């Protein structure tokens, strides 16, 4: 029997349960590290360097996540685990988030001060489908808190958006990393 045939025989509930058992720590750690670096760069660099640090930094999160996954023992590319329908759904959410950058880029060409706002929000959208798949509130919290905080900071303190928005994102990531790790340990304890 092929992997595809085995997958087709599993119910969606069984596939979801397998997907939920993953740790999901590498990417949030990578995001927190990159946004912390962006915030530090913003304290000392020119606006041009800050803007490039946001574009390049956000593009680097995936690659840093691959490295961190090796340290956390996560199967980043799912080579060990059997692929299931929720892998495809999650990847569709990731691609959707990346495609929305097509809005951020032209808007940034008109006004570069929108970059921390648009990139900060768009990069956090993929947490919504993750939350639905794993049936846990942490992803909804991440996307909503991140978006509301970024918009408020962008409107209320526009002179500090390059430092305060990354700080807010790191704070939201920090809360989510703690929650995700507790979720994983609880889940692991119930399975052992």
Protein backbone atom coordinates (compact mmCIF):
# COMPACT_ATOMS: atom_id res chain seq x y z
CA UNK A 1 0.00 0.00 0.00
CA UNK A 2 1.42 3.44 -0.95
CA UNK A 3 1.70 6.40 1.43
CA UNK A 4 -1.10 8.12 -0.47
CA UNK A 5 -3.38 5.10 -0.03
CA UNK A 6 -2.54 4.89 3.69
CA UNK A 7 -3.29 8.59 4.06
CA UNK A 8 -6.63 8.21 2.33
CA UNK A 9 -7.60 5.50 4.81
CA UNK A 10 -7.00 7.74 7.84
CA UNK A 11 -9.88 9.90 8.94
CA UNK A 12 -9.38 13.66 9.03
CA UNK A 13 -9.73 13.50 12.81
CA UNK A 14 -6.84 11.01 13.01
CA UNK A 15 -4.73 13.15 10.68
CA UNK A 16 -5.45 16.25 12.76
CA UNK A 17 -4.44 14.44 15.96
CA UNK A 18 -1.10 13.50 14.40
CA UNK A 19 -0.53 17.07 13.19
CA UNK A 20 -1.37 18.49 16.64
CA UNK A 21 1.35 16.38 18.27
CA UNK A 22 4.10 18.47 16.71
CA UNK A 23 6.10 20.93 18.76
CA UNK A 24 5.87 24.04 16.53
CA UNK A 25 8.70 25.82 18.35
CA UNK A 26 11.39 26.43 15.72
CA UNK A 27 9.57 29.02 13.61
CA UNK A 28 8.31 31.16 16.52
CA UNK A 29 11.81 31.14 18.01
CA UNK A 30 13.24 32.16 14.63
CA UNK A 31 10.66 34.94 14.28
CA UNK A 32 11.40 36.26 17.76
CA UNK A 33 15.16 36.27 17.14
CA UNK A 34 14.85 38.04 13.77
CA UNK A 35 12.42 40.68 15.05
CA UNK A 36 14.68 41.28 18.07
CA UNK A 37 17.60 41.86 15.70
CA UNK A 38 15.44 44.21 13.59
CA UNK A 39 14.55 46.19 16.72
CA UNK A 40 18.21 46.43 17.77
CA UNK A 41 19.27 47.52 14.28
CA UNK A 42 16.57 50.20 14.44
CA UNK A 43 18.17 51.75 17.52
CA UNK A 44 21.44 52.48 15.71
CA UNK A 45 21.07 52.33 11.93
CA UNK A 46 19.82 54.67 9.25
CA UNK A 47 16.25 54.34 8.02
CA UNK A 48 17.45 52.67 4.80
CA UNK A 49 19.33 50.00 6.75
CA UNK A 50 16.33 49.47 9.03
CA UNK A 51 14.02 48.95 6.07
CA UNK A 52 16.41 46.47 4.48
CA UNK A 53 16.74 44.68 7.83
CA UNK A 54 12.96 44.19 7.88
CA UNK A 55 12.79 42.80 4.31
CA UNK A 56 15.88 40.62 4.64
CA UNK A 57 15.12 39.63 8.22
CA UNK A 58 11.59 38.46 7.49
CA UNK A 59 12.87 36.55 4.49
CA UNK A 60 15.41 34.84 6.75
CA UNK A 61 12.96 33.56 9.37
CA UNK A 62 12.29 30.36 7.42
CA UNK A 63 16.01 29.56 7.08
CA UNK A 64 16.75 30.30 10.73
CA UNK A 65 13.74 28.12 11.62
CA UNK A 66 15.35 25.22 9.74
CA UNK A 67 18.51 25.59 11.84
CA UNK A 68 16.59 25.94 15.11
CA UNK A 69 14.49 22.86 14.24
CA UNK A 70 17.66 20.78 14.31
CA UNK A 71 18.32 22.05 17.85
CA UNK A 72 14.75 21.48 19.06
CA UNK A 73 14.52 18.05 17.44
CA UNK A 74 11.65 19.02 15.15
CA UNK A 75 11.07 17.30 11.83
CA UNK A 76 10.99 20.60 9.91
CA UNK A 77 10.30 19.15 6.48
CA UNK A 78 8.21 16.23 7.71
CA UNK A 79 10.66 13.66 6.38
CA UNK A 80 10.06 11.28 9.30
CA UNK A 81 6.32 11.73 9.68
CA UNK A 82 3.72 10.77 7.14
CA UNK A 83 2.27 13.79 5.34
CA UNK A 84 -1.39 14.43 5.93
CA UNK A 85 -4.15 16.76 4.78
CA UNK A 86 -3.33 19.32 7.48
CA UNK A 87 0.23 19.72 6.23
CA UNK A 88 -1.29 20.86 2.95
CA UNK A 89 -3.76 23.16 4.67
CA UNK A 90 -1.05 24.75 6.80
CA UNK A 91 1.22 25.25 3.77
CA UNK A 92 -1.67 26.87 1.91
CA UNK A 93 -1.97 29.31 4.84
CA UNK A 94 1.76 30.04 4.71
CA UNK A 95 1.67 30.64 0.95
CA UNK A 96 -1.42 32.85 1.38
CA UNK A 97 0.49 34.97 3.91
CA UNK A 98 3.43 35.27 1.55
CA UNK A 99 1.25 36.23 -1.40
CA UNK A 100 -0.21 39.12 0.57
CA UNK A 101 3.26 40.68 0.49
CA UNK A 102 2.27 41.70 -3.05
CA UNK A 103 0.22 44.40 -1.29
CA UNK A 104 3.00 45.49 1.07
CA UNK A 105 5.60 46.06 -1.62
CA UNK A 106 3.71 48.57 -3.81
CA UNK A 107 2.41 50.36 -0.71
CA UNK A 108 5.99 50.57 0.60
CA UNK A 109 7.06 52.13 -2.69
CA UNK A 110 4.55 54.92 -2.03
CA UNK A 111 5.38 55.31 1.68
CA UNK A 112 8.27 53.36 3.24
CA UNK A 113 6.96 54.09 6.75
CA UNK A 114 4.25 51.48 6.10
CA UNK A 115 6.80 48.64 6.03
CA UNK A 116 6.80 47.82 9.78
CA UNK A 117 2.99 47.98 9.73
CA UNK A 118 2.34 45.82 6.67
CA UNK A 119 5.20 43.35 7.03
CA UNK A 120 4.62 43.03 10.76
CA UNK A 121 0.96 42.14 10.24
CA UNK A 122 1.28 40.02 7.11
CA UNK A 123 4.04 37.83 8.54
CA UNK A 124 1.77 36.93 11.45
CA UNK A 125 -1.29 35.82 9.48
CA UNK A 126 -0.21 32.20 9.15
CA UNK A 127 -0.91 31.73 12.86
CA UNK A 128 -4.66 31.80 12.16
CA UNK A 129 -4.91 28.52 10.21
CA UNK A 130 -2.42 26.91 12.62
CA UNK A 131 -4.71 27.74 15.52
CA UNK A 132 -7.70 26.23 13.76
CA UNK A 133 -5.79 23.06 12.86
CA UNK A 134 -4.33 22.41 16.32
CA UNK A 135 -7.57 23.51 18.02
CA UNK A 136 -5.75 25.88 20.35
CA UNK A 137 -6.24 29.60 20.96
CA UNK A 138 -2.54 30.55 20.75
CA UNK A 139 -2.54 31.25 17.00
CA UNK A 140 -5.64 33.43 17.18
CA UNK A 141 -4.06 35.31 20.06
CA UNK A 142 -0.82 35.76 18.12
CA UNK A 143 -2.41 37.14 14.95
CA UNK A 144 -4.96 39.35 16.68
CA UNK A 145 -2.69 40.73 19.43
CA UNK A 146 0.11 41.29 16.95
CA UNK A 147 -2.17 43.12 14.50
CA UNK A 148 -3.92 45.29 17.08
CA UNK A 149 -0.66 46.23 18.80
CA UNK A 150 1.09 47.07 15.54
CA UNK A 151 -1.77 49.25 14.32
CA UNK A 152 -1.99 51.10 17.66
CA UNK A 153 1.77 51.71 17.77
CA UNK A 154 1.85 52.82 14.13
CA UNK A 155 -0.96 55.32 14.77
CA UNK A 156 -0.01 56.52 18.26
CA UNK A 157 3.80 56.70 18.14
CA UNK A 158 4.79 56.99 14.47
CA UNK A 159 8.22 58.38 15.40
CA UNK A 160 9.14 55.09 17.14
CA UNK A 161 7.61 52.48 14.81
CA UNK A 162 10.96 50.95 13.88
CA UNK A 163 11.78 50.07 17.48
CA UNK A 164 8.41 49.63 19.19
CA UNK A 165 6.75 47.45 16.53
CA UNK A 166 9.58 44.87 16.62
CA UNK A 167 9.49 45.01 20.43
CA UNK A 168 5.74 44.32 20.40
CA UNK A 169 6.18 41.43 17.95
CA UNK A 170 8.91 39.90 20.13
CA UNK A 171 6.66 40.24 23.20
CA UNK A 172 3.79 38.48 21.41
CA UNK A 173 6.16 35.77 20.18
CA UNK A 174 7.52 35.31 23.71
CA UNK A 175 4.06 34.73 25.14
CA UNK A 176 3.22 32.31 22.31
CA UNK A 177 6.49 30.39 22.66
CA UNK A 178 5.76 29.78 26.35
CA UNK A 179 2.17 28.75 25.60
CA UNK A 180 3.19 26.51 22.69
CA UNK A 181 5.86 24.75 24.74
CA UNK A 182 3.42 24.18 27.62
CA UNK A 183 0.87 22.85 25.13
CA UNK A 184 3.46 20.47 23.71
CA UNK A 185 4.64 19.22 27.11
CA UNK A 186 1.07 18.66 28.28
CA UNK A 187 0.22 16.82 25.09
CA UNK A 188 3.38 14.74 25.29
CA UNK A 189 2.67 13.82 28.94
CA UNK A 190 -0.84 12.63 28.06
CA UNK A 191 0.52 10.50 25.18
CA UNK A 192 3.30 8.89 27.26
